N, C-alpha and C. Protein backbone atom coordinates (compact mmCIF):
# COMPACT_ATOMS: atom_id res chain seq x y z
N UNK A 1 1.06 -1.10 0.07
CA UNK A 1 -0.02 0.58 -0.10
C UNK A 1 1.13 1.28 -0.20
N UNK A 2 2.02 1.62 0.84
CA UNK A 2 2.42 2.49 0.49
C UNK A 2 3.60 2.93 -0.53
N UNK A 3 3.76 2.35 -1.07
CA UNK A 3 4.67 2.15 -2.21
C UNK A 3 3.47 2.93 -3.52
N UNK A 4 2.84 2.63 -3.83
CA UNK A 4 1.00 2.64 -4.73
C UNK A 4 1.32 4.25 -3.34
N UNK A 5 1.16 4.37 -2.63
CA UNK A 5 0.28 5.55 -2.05
C UNK A 5 1.66 6.07 -2.07
N UNK A 6 2.32 6.43 -1.97
CA UNK A 6 4.03 7.79 -2.53
C UNK A 6 4.12 7.87 -3.95
N UNK A 7 3.98 6.44 -4.92
CA UNK A 7 4.79 6.44 -6.51
C UNK A 7 3.10 6.79 -6.62
N UNK A 8 2.02 6.60 -6.24
CA UNK A 8 1.45 6.67 -7.65
C UNK A 8 0.99 5.54 -7.88
N UNK A 9 0.06 4.85 -8.68
CA UNK A 9 0.22 3.40 -9.60
C UNK A 9 0.43 3.38 -10.91
N UNK A 10 0.90 4.37 -11.39
CA UNK A 10 1.27 4.61 -12.67
C UNK A 10 2.97 4.45 -11.80
N UNK A 11 3.65 5.30 -11.82
CA UNK A 11 5.20 5.30 -11.67
C UNK A 11 5.60 3.66 -10.68
N UNK A 12 4.00 3.13 -9.83
CA UNK A 12 4.71 2.16 -8.92
C UNK A 12 5.46 0.67 -10.29
N UNK A 13 6.61 0.14 -10.24
CA UNK A 13 6.33 -0.80 -11.06
C UNK A 13 6.24 -2.88 -10.31
N UNK A 14 6.41 -3.46 -10.82
CA UNK A 14 6.04 -4.70 -10.01
C UNK A 14 7.80 -4.41 -9.49
N UNK A 15 8.97 -4.45 -9.95
CA UNK A 15 9.65 -4.36 -8.90
C UNK A 15 9.51 -3.54 -8.48
N UNK A 16 9.42 -2.16 -8.32
CA UNK A 16 8.28 -1.68 -6.93
C UNK A 16 7.96 -2.57 -5.62
N UNK A 17 7.02 -3.72 -6.41
CA UNK A 17 6.21 -3.94 -4.04
C UNK A 17 6.80 -5.04 -4.39
N UNK A 18 7.34 -6.15 -5.42
CA UNK A 18 8.83 -7.21 -4.19
C UNK A 18 10.17 -6.52 -3.77
N UNK A 19 9.79 -5.37 -4.23
CA UNK A 19 11.34 -4.45 -3.43
C UNK A 19 10.29 -4.44 -1.72
N UNK A 20 9.38 -3.75 -1.49
CA UNK A 20 8.48 -3.26 -0.71
C UNK A 20 7.82 -3.97 0.15
N UNK A 21 7.47 -5.70 -0.71
CA UNK A 21 7.44 -6.46 -0.03
C UNK A 21 7.70 -7.99 0.52
N UNK A 22 8.75 -7.76 -0.09
CA UNK A 22 9.47 -9.26 -0.38
C UNK A 22 8.92 -10.12 -0.52
N UNK A 23 7.85 -10.46 -1.27
CA UNK A 23 7.34 -11.09 -2.44
C UNK A 23 7.57 -11.02 -3.48
N UNK A 24 7.74 -12.79 -4.05
CA UNK A 24 8.53 -12.30 -5.62
C UNK A 24 7.60 -12.06 -6.33
N UNK A 25 8.02 -11.52 -7.73
CA UNK A 25 6.83 -11.02 -8.95
C UNK A 25 5.72 -12.23 -9.26
N UNK A 26 6.33 -14.08 -8.99
CA UNK A 26 5.29 -14.35 -9.35
C UNK A 26 4.03 -15.14 -8.55
N UNK A 27 4.88 -14.56 -6.77
CA UNK A 27 3.43 -14.76 -5.58
C UNK A 27 2.89 -14.21 -6.19
N UNK A 28 3.02 -11.80 -6.42
CA UNK A 28 2.12 -11.56 -5.81
C UNK A 28 1.91 -11.40 -7.45
N UNK A 29 1.60 -11.46 -8.51
CA UNK A 29 0.64 -12.03 -9.89
C UNK A 29 -0.09 -14.27 -8.95
N UNK A 30 0.08 -14.34 -7.96
CA UNK A 30 -0.61 -15.12 -8.45
C UNK A 30 -1.72 -14.95 -7.14
N UNK A 31 -1.54 -14.63 -6.45
CA UNK A 31 -2.61 -14.45 -5.24
C UNK A 31 -3.27 -12.81 -5.48
N UNK A 32 -2.53 -11.60 -6.27
CA UNK A 32 -3.12 -10.68 -6.96
C UNK A 32 -2.92 -10.35 -8.32
N UNK A 33 -3.40 -11.56 -8.52
CA UNK A 33 -3.43 -10.57 -10.44
C UNK A 33 -2.98 -9.95 -11.25
N UNK A 34 -3.10 -9.25 -10.92
CA UNK A 34 -2.75 -8.01 -11.74
C UNK A 34 -2.56 -7.09 -10.72
N UNK A 35 -1.09 -5.51 -11.36
CA UNK A 35 -0.79 -4.43 -10.79
C UNK A 35 -2.00 -4.06 -9.75
N UNK A 36 -3.38 -4.09 -11.05
CA UNK A 36 -4.37 -2.58 -11.17
C UNK A 36 -5.15 -3.27 -10.06
N UNK A 37 -4.98 -5.04 -9.54
CA UNK A 37 -6.35 -5.31 -8.49
C UNK A 37 -5.97 -5.27 -7.20
N UNK A 38 -3.84 -5.89 -7.57
CA UNK A 38 -3.02 -5.21 -5.47
C UNK A 38 -3.57 -3.84 -5.58
N UNK A 39 -3.46 -2.90 -6.86
CA UNK A 39 -4.29 -1.67 -6.50
C UNK A 39 -5.14 -0.97 -5.55
N UNK A 40 -6.30 -2.02 -6.53
CA UNK A 40 -7.31 -1.96 -5.90
C UNK A 40 -7.63 -2.61 -4.18
N UNK A 41 -6.59 -3.35 -4.33
CA UNK A 41 -6.46 -4.20 -2.74
C UNK A 41 -6.01 -3.27 -1.63
N UNK A 42 -4.93 -2.14 -2.65
CA UNK A 42 -4.24 -1.65 -0.84
C UNK A 42 -5.69 0.60 -1.20
N UNK A 43 -6.16 -0.07 -1.81
CA UNK A 43 -7.41 0.92 -1.49
C UNK A 43 -8.39 0.75 -0.46
N UNK A 44 -8.43 -0.09 -0.55
CA UNK A 44 -9.54 -1.12 0.25
C UNK A 44 -9.14 -1.36 1.99
N UNK A 45 -7.81 -1.13 1.04
CA UNK A 45 -6.78 -1.37 2.35
C UNK A 45 -7.03 -0.59 3.82
N UNK A 46 -6.09 0.26 2.98
CA UNK A 46 -6.27 2.43 3.08
C UNK A 46 -7.64 2.01 3.90
N UNK A 47 -8.88 2.16 3.26
CA UNK A 47 -10.07 2.34 3.44
C UNK A 47 -10.27 2.24 5.32
N UNK A 48 -9.99 0.73 5.23
CA UNK A 48 -10.08 0.34 6.50
C UNK A 48 -9.45 0.02 7.71
N UNK A 49 -8.24 0.85 7.03
CA UNK A 49 -7.37 1.12 8.34
C UNK A 49 -6.92 1.81 8.81
N UNK A 50 -5.93 2.86 7.81
CA UNK A 50 -5.78 4.40 7.98
C UNK A 50 -7.09 5.32 8.32
N UNK A 51 -7.55 5.48 7.87
CA UNK A 51 -8.60 6.49 7.43
C UNK A 51 -9.71 6.64 9.17
N UNK A 52 -9.90 5.17 9.35
CA UNK A 52 -10.18 4.76 11.09
C UNK A 52 -9.41 6.10 12.21
N UNK A 53 -8.52 5.76 11.68
CA UNK A 53 -7.10 5.63 12.78
C UNK A 53 -7.48 7.49 12.51
N UNK A 54 -7.22 8.20 11.22
CA UNK A 54 -7.45 9.94 10.93
C UNK A 54 -8.15 10.71 10.99
N UNK A 55 -9.63 9.91 11.57
CA UNK A 55 -10.32 10.85 12.06
C UNK A 55 -11.40 10.32 13.11
N UNK A 56 -10.47 9.52 14.14
CA UNK A 56 -11.68 8.95 15.34
C UNK A 56 -11.56 9.92 16.14
N UNK A 57 -11.30 11.00 17.19
CA UNK A 57 -11.29 11.95 17.12
C UNK A 57 -13.26 13.04 16.80
N UNK A 58 -13.84 12.76 15.66
CA UNK A 58 -14.92 12.76 15.09
C UNK A 58 -15.93 11.85 15.48
N UNK A 59 -15.26 11.04 16.60
CA UNK A 59 -16.54 9.71 17.26
C UNK A 59 -15.98 10.69 19.13
N UNK A 60 -15.87 11.06 19.13
CA UNK A 60 -15.04 10.56 20.99
C UNK A 60 -16.15 11.23 21.24
N UNK A 61 -16.85 10.64 22.98
CA UNK A 61 -17.69 11.20 24.09
C UNK A 61 -18.03 12.73 23.65
N UNK A 62 -16.67 13.34 23.37
CA UNK A 62 -17.51 14.66 24.57
C UNK A 62 -16.42 15.72 22.77
N UNK A 63 -16.98 15.41 22.18
CA UNK A 63 -16.53 16.55 21.80
C UNK A 63 -17.79 17.16 20.76
N UNK A 64 -16.74 19.12 20.73
CA UNK A 64 -17.22 19.45 20.36
C UNK A 64 -16.19 20.49 19.63
N UNK A 65 -17.34 21.82 18.39
CA UNK A 65 -16.18 22.98 17.80
C UNK A 65 -14.88 22.99 17.46
N UNK A 66 -14.35 23.15 18.90
CA UNK A 66 -13.18 23.70 19.73
C UNK A 66 -12.44 22.41 18.82
N UNK A 67 -12.25 20.55 19.61
CA UNK A 67 -12.07 19.67 19.02
C UNK A 67 -11.38 19.47 17.48
N UNK A 68 -12.86 19.30 16.31
CA UNK A 68 -12.80 19.18 15.14
C UNK A 68 -11.73 19.96 14.72
N UNK A 69 -11.25 22.07 14.96
CA UNK A 69 -11.06 23.09 14.21
C UNK A 69 -9.54 22.80 14.91
N UNK A 70 -9.50 21.78 16.22
CA UNK A 70 -8.33 21.12 16.86
C UNK A 70 -7.28 20.25 15.59
N UNK A 71 -8.09 19.04 15.03
CA UNK A 71 -7.80 17.83 14.21
C UNK A 71 -7.44 19.40 12.97
N UNK A 72 -8.21 19.81 12.37
CA UNK A 72 -7.66 21.04 11.38
C UNK A 72 -6.38 20.70 11.21
N UNK A 73 -6.05 22.20 12.56
CA UNK A 73 -4.93 23.25 12.79
C UNK A 73 -3.65 22.02 12.49
N UNK A 74 -4.42 20.19 13.31
CA UNK A 74 -3.28 19.60 13.44
C UNK A 74 -2.95 19.38 12.21
N UNK A 75 -3.45 18.75 11.42
CA UNK A 75 -3.44 18.04 9.77
C UNK A 75 -2.56 19.37 9.08
N UNK A 76 -2.53 20.64 9.32
CA UNK A 76 -2.78 21.30 8.73
C UNK A 76 -0.91 21.56 9.23
N UNK A 77 -0.35 21.38 10.34
CA UNK A 77 0.71 21.92 11.24
C UNK A 77 1.33 20.10 10.11
N UNK A 78 0.71 19.17 10.42
CA UNK A 78 1.57 18.14 9.76
C UNK A 78 2.40 18.70 8.36
N UNK A 79 0.73 18.81 7.43
CA UNK A 79 1.29 18.73 5.58
C UNK A 79 2.54 20.26 6.31
N UNK A 80 1.95 21.10 7.11
CA UNK A 80 3.11 22.22 6.09
C UNK A 80 5.13 21.19 7.26
N UNK A 81 4.75 20.45 7.82
CA UNK A 81 6.11 20.28 8.40
C UNK A 81 6.65 19.77 6.86
N UNK A 82 5.67 19.20 6.33
CA UNK A 82 6.84 18.40 5.32
C UNK A 82 6.79 16.93 6.03
N UNK A 83 5.61 16.31 7.02
CA UNK A 83 5.84 14.53 7.32
C UNK A 83 4.42 14.49 6.85
N UNK A 84 3.88 15.49 6.34
CA UNK A 84 2.79 14.87 5.95
C UNK A 84 3.02 14.72 4.34
N UNK A 85 3.80 14.98 3.29
CA UNK A 85 4.24 14.87 2.47
C UNK A 85 3.85 13.88 1.51
N UNK A 86 3.54 12.87 2.49
CA UNK A 86 3.34 11.86 1.64
C UNK A 86 1.66 11.93 1.24
N UNK A 87 0.86 13.06 1.82
CA UNK A 87 -0.35 13.03 1.56
C UNK A 87 -1.76 11.65 2.10
N UNK A 88 -3.12 12.42 1.32
CA UNK A 88 -3.50 11.06 1.57
C UNK A 88 -4.19 10.50 0.39
N UNK A 89 -3.96 8.97 0.17
CA UNK A 89 -3.51 8.41 -0.33
C UNK A 89 -4.91 7.77 -1.74
N UNK A 90 -6.04 8.25 -0.59
CA UNK A 90 -7.26 8.50 -2.04
C UNK A 90 -6.72 9.68 -2.48
N UNK A 91 -6.82 11.06 -2.02
CA UNK A 91 -6.90 12.87 -2.42
C UNK A 91 -5.48 12.46 -3.44
N UNK A 92 -4.53 11.72 -3.44
CA UNK A 92 -3.30 11.91 -4.25
C UNK A 92 -4.31 10.67 -5.34
N UNK A 93 -4.79 9.98 -5.28
CA UNK A 93 -5.65 8.94 -6.26
C UNK A 93 -6.16 9.64 -7.20
N UNK A 94 -7.38 10.55 -5.72
CA UNK A 94 -7.30 10.90 -7.07
C UNK A 94 -7.17 12.29 -8.22
N UNK A 95 -6.14 12.59 -8.30
CA UNK A 95 -5.50 13.44 -8.58
C UNK A 95 -4.18 12.63 -9.86
N UNK A 96 -4.70 11.14 -9.91
CA UNK A 96 -3.82 10.19 -11.31
C UNK A 96 -4.64 10.29 -12.25
N UNK A 97 -3.54 9.58 -12.43
CA UNK A 97 -4.33 8.68 -14.18
C UNK A 97 -5.70 7.75 -13.79
N UNK A 98 -4.44 7.33 -12.62
CA UNK A 98 -5.82 5.62 -11.95
C UNK A 98 -7.20 6.28 -12.48
N UNK A 99 -7.79 7.30 -11.99
CA UNK A 99 -8.94 8.37 -11.82
C UNK A 99 -10.01 7.67 -12.85
N UNK A 100 -9.21 7.86 -13.67
CA UNK A 100 -10.26 7.46 -14.95
C UNK A 100 -10.65 5.47 -15.05
N UNK A 101 -10.21 4.91 -14.72
CA UNK A 101 -10.09 3.66 -14.49
C UNK A 101 -11.86 3.66 -13.17
N UNK A 102 -13.32 2.78 -13.56
CA UNK A 102 -14.04 2.87 -12.68
C UNK A 102 -14.31 1.95 -11.52
N UNK A 103 -13.54 1.34 -11.09
CA UNK A 103 -13.73 0.90 -10.08
C UNK A 103 -12.17 1.77 -8.86
N UNK A 104 -11.34 1.88 -9.77
CA UNK A 104 -10.30 3.82 -8.99
C UNK A 104 -12.03 4.41 -8.10
N UNK A 105 -12.23 5.21 -9.31
CA UNK A 105 -12.87 6.43 -8.84
C UNK A 105 -14.63 6.09 -8.54
N UNK A 106 -15.00 4.38 -8.51
CA UNK A 106 -15.95 4.10 -7.42
C UNK A 106 -14.77 4.09 -6.49
N UNK A 107 -14.10 3.91 -5.40
CA UNK A 107 -13.76 3.69 -4.37
C UNK A 107 -13.47 5.33 -3.89
N UNK A 108 -12.55 6.09 -4.85
CA UNK A 108 -12.60 7.94 -4.40
C UNK A 108 -13.68 8.11 -3.92
N UNK A 109 -15.17 7.53 -4.61
CA UNK A 109 -16.44 9.11 -4.32
C UNK A 109 -16.58 7.84 -3.18
N UNK A 110 -17.14 6.59 -2.83
CA UNK A 110 -16.97 6.06 -1.64
C UNK A 110 -16.72 6.83 -0.83
N UNK A 111 -15.02 7.29 -0.68
CA UNK A 111 -14.62 7.65 0.29
C UNK A 111 -14.95 8.45 0.69
N UNK A 112 -15.00 9.77 -0.25
CA UNK A 112 -14.99 11.41 -0.16
C UNK A 112 -16.92 11.29 0.38
N UNK A 113 -17.64 10.80 -0.10
CA UNK A 113 -18.95 10.64 0.58
C UNK A 113 -18.91 10.39 1.32
N UNK A 114 -18.11 8.71 2.08
CA UNK A 114 -18.35 7.97 3.84
C UNK A 114 -17.30 9.44 4.52
N UNK A 115 -17.20 10.29 4.17
CA UNK A 115 -15.75 10.70 4.71
C UNK A 115 -17.45 12.24 5.22
N UNK A 116 -18.02 13.46 3.81
CA UNK A 116 -19.09 14.20 4.06
C UNK A 116 -19.46 13.31 5.64
N UNK A 117 -20.36 12.16 5.13
CA UNK A 117 -21.68 12.12 6.13
C UNK A 117 -20.61 11.42 7.30
N UNK A 118 -18.84 11.57 8.02
CA UNK A 118 -18.97 11.41 9.36
C UNK A 118 -18.26 12.50 10.02
N UNK A 119 -17.60 14.21 8.95
CA UNK A 119 -18.12 15.58 9.18
C UNK A 119 -19.49 15.90 9.35
N UNK A 120 -20.50 15.02 8.84
CA UNK A 120 -21.63 15.43 9.55
C UNK A 120 -22.19 14.73 9.86
N UNK A 121 -21.91 14.14 10.66
CA UNK A 121 -22.55 13.86 11.64
C UNK A 121 -21.42 13.93 12.71
N UNK A 122 -21.23 14.67 12.89
CA UNK A 122 -20.29 15.18 14.08
C UNK A 122 -20.25 15.92 14.00
N UNK A 123 -20.60 17.16 13.19
CA UNK A 123 -21.40 17.92 13.24
C UNK A 123 -22.37 18.21 13.68
N UNK A 124 -23.61 17.49 13.37
CA UNK A 124 -25.36 17.62 14.09
C UNK A 124 -25.10 17.23 15.23
N UNK A 125 -23.59 16.68 16.23
CA UNK A 125 -23.32 15.65 17.26
C UNK A 125 -23.23 16.87 17.62
N UNK A 126 -22.49 17.59 17.38
CA UNK A 126 -22.12 19.47 18.12
C UNK A 126 -23.10 20.62 18.77
N UNK A 127 -23.94 19.98 17.52
CA UNK A 127 -24.72 20.80 17.56
C UNK A 127 -25.95 22.25 16.14
N UNK A 128 -24.47 21.38 15.07
CA UNK A 128 -25.52 22.28 13.88
C UNK A 128 -26.23 21.12 13.40
N UNK A 129 -27.89 22.18 13.23
CA UNK A 129 -28.69 21.97 12.59
C UNK A 129 -28.57 21.15 11.59
N UNK A 130 -29.44 20.14 11.38
CA UNK A 130 -29.18 18.91 9.70
C UNK A 130 -29.02 19.59 8.27
N UNK A 131 -29.18 21.16 8.36
CA UNK A 131 -29.03 20.49 6.35
C UNK A 131 -28.16 21.79 6.40
N UNK A 132 -27.02 22.58 7.24
CA UNK A 132 -26.30 23.22 8.01
C UNK A 132 -25.26 22.21 7.33
N UNK A 133 -25.34 21.25 8.75
CA UNK A 133 -24.73 20.02 9.14
C UNK A 133 -24.18 18.83 7.71
N UNK A 134 -25.52 19.14 6.51
CA UNK A 134 -24.80 18.50 5.56
C UNK A 134 -23.98 19.26 5.03
N UNK A 135 -24.48 20.10 5.21
CA UNK A 135 -23.47 20.66 3.43
C UNK A 135 -21.88 21.89 4.28
N UNK A 136 -22.40 21.59 5.28
CA UNK A 136 -21.09 21.68 6.04
C UNK A 136 -19.92 20.86 6.21
N UNK A 137 -20.53 19.70 6.58
CA UNK A 137 -19.72 18.30 6.14
C UNK A 137 -18.85 17.94 4.79
N UNK A 138 -19.63 18.63 3.58
CA UNK A 138 -19.77 18.56 2.42
C UNK A 138 -18.24 19.18 2.23
N UNK A 139 -18.53 21.02 3.07
CA UNK A 139 -17.31 21.73 2.97
C UNK A 139 -16.19 21.04 3.64
N UNK A 140 -16.04 20.63 4.15
CA UNK A 140 -14.83 20.50 5.51
C UNK A 140 -14.66 18.91 4.65
N UNK A 141 -14.99 17.43 3.99
CA UNK A 141 -14.88 16.50 3.24
C UNK A 141 -13.69 17.59 2.68
N UNK A 142 -14.38 18.71 1.55
CA UNK A 142 -13.58 18.73 1.03
C UNK A 142 -11.75 20.04 0.71
N UNK A 143 -11.96 19.99 2.49
CA UNK A 143 -11.15 20.82 2.48
C UNK A 143 -10.29 20.31 3.20
N UNK A 144 -10.53 18.90 3.16
CA UNK A 144 -9.48 18.26 4.03
C UNK A 144 -9.31 17.57 2.65
N UNK A 145 -9.09 17.07 1.78
CA UNK A 145 -8.51 16.76 0.98
C UNK A 145 -8.14 17.63 0.05
N UNK A 146 -8.18 18.75 0.40
CA UNK A 146 -6.96 20.00 -0.45
C UNK A 146 -5.82 20.06 0.57
N UNK A 147 -6.22 19.84 1.64
CA UNK A 147 -4.75 19.91 2.26
C UNK A 147 -3.89 19.48 2.20
N UNK A 148 -4.41 17.61 2.50
CA UNK A 148 -3.67 16.62 2.20
C UNK A 148 -3.23 16.59 1.15
N UNK A 149 -3.40 17.33 -0.56
CA UNK A 149 -3.12 17.69 -1.40
C UNK A 149 -1.77 18.46 -1.96
N UNK A 150 -2.25 19.39 -0.47
CA UNK A 150 -1.41 20.65 -0.82
C UNK A 150 0.00 20.34 0.01
N UNK A 151 0.09 19.45 0.82
CA UNK A 151 1.06 18.47 1.98
C UNK A 151 2.03 17.48 0.98
N UNK A 152 1.23 17.05 0.01
CA UNK A 152 1.37 15.99 -0.99
C UNK A 152 2.90 16.82 -2.41
N UNK A 153 1.75 17.64 -2.48
CA UNK A 153 2.86 19.59 -3.53
C UNK A 153 3.40 19.69 -2.48
N UNK A 154 4.02 19.50 -1.28
CA UNK A 154 4.78 20.04 -0.53
C UNK A 154 4.82 21.18 -0.48
N UNK A 155 3.80 22.10 -0.23
CA UNK A 155 3.39 23.47 -0.03
C UNK A 155 4.25 24.05 0.32
N UNK A 156 4.32 25.90 -0.49
CA UNK A 156 4.39 26.53 1.09
C UNK A 156 4.12 26.75 2.42
N UNK A 157 4.60 26.75 3.72
CA UNK A 157 3.83 26.37 4.86
C UNK A 157 2.83 28.02 4.56
N UNK A 158 4.04 29.94 4.36
CA UNK A 158 2.42 30.09 4.75
C UNK A 158 0.67 30.35 4.35
N UNK A 159 1.29 29.68 3.32
CA UNK A 159 -0.21 29.11 2.13
C UNK A 159 -0.69 28.63 2.74
N UNK A 160 -0.27 26.99 2.92
CA UNK A 160 -1.84 26.40 4.16
C UNK A 160 -2.20 26.95 5.55
N UNK A 161 -1.13 28.06 6.50
CA UNK A 161 -1.44 27.73 7.04
C UNK A 161 -2.54 28.91 7.15
N UNK A 162 -2.72 29.78 5.85
CA UNK A 162 -3.66 30.95 5.60
C UNK A 162 -5.14 30.12 5.17
N UNK A 163 -4.45 29.15 4.28
CA UNK A 163 -4.89 28.21 3.69
C UNK A 163 -6.39 28.28 4.97
N UNK A 164 -5.90 26.78 5.76
CA UNK A 164 -7.30 26.89 6.72
C UNK A 164 -7.60 27.54 7.58
N UNK A 165 -7.05 28.87 7.50
CA UNK A 165 -7.40 29.49 8.39
C UNK A 165 -8.50 30.59 8.64
N UNK A 166 -8.30 30.30 6.83
CA UNK A 166 -10.03 31.09 6.06
C UNK A 166 -10.70 29.86 6.40
N UNK A 167 -10.21 28.37 5.28
CA UNK A 167 -11.38 27.62 5.70
C UNK A 167 -11.96 27.68 7.12
N UNK A 168 -11.28 27.48 7.69
CA UNK A 168 -11.71 26.52 9.23
C UNK A 168 -12.85 28.11 10.03
N UNK A 169 -12.96 28.50 9.00
CA UNK A 169 -14.20 29.95 9.66
C UNK A 169 -14.94 29.74 9.99
N UNK A 170 -15.84 29.02 8.58
CA UNK A 170 -17.25 28.99 9.01
C UNK A 170 -17.81 27.59 10.90
N UNK A 171 -16.58 27.19 11.08
CA UNK A 171 -16.95 26.90 12.02
C UNK A 171 -16.81 27.05 13.88
N UNK A 172 -16.12 28.36 13.41
CA UNK A 172 -15.94 29.34 14.56
C UNK A 172 -16.75 30.81 14.80
N UNK A 173 -17.12 30.18 13.51
CA UNK A 173 -18.90 31.30 13.51
C UNK A 173 -20.83 30.37 13.08
N UNK A 174 -20.60 30.07 14.57
CA UNK A 174 -21.64 29.20 15.37
C UNK A 174 -23.35 29.64 14.42
């Protein structure tokens, strides 16, 4: 998963996958069939394992607006530090040529919908009415993806800081 996440589908070779997994080329073909199938399994694995750990704060019992804002600010600091330059596997994939593959596009779209739902539910839990929470949840999903694409592009830290300051304004204005 990490090789695809870091390099993207097109730039990842079977030699890269062999080196990263320690599994022979024949073994990879036997288990996964082709590179595209392994890529799809990697996206599924990311969705099951990485995404829940990133957004656990949204499900905490003592969630409030300040915690949602802090979560974004922490991601912005990570993005600006360079440590976050790997970005988001789903966001990277959305910007990759593989988005033209229907199964890839379906997974990315499902991820974006699920993320928007998670934000919407969290916003409702902190007292935002249903319709504004729905719209703000969609907005925050886009903000998050944009933030991680900036991290992947190694955008200037001042750009990231200004972006997140303005992007979070709707959360600060009840």
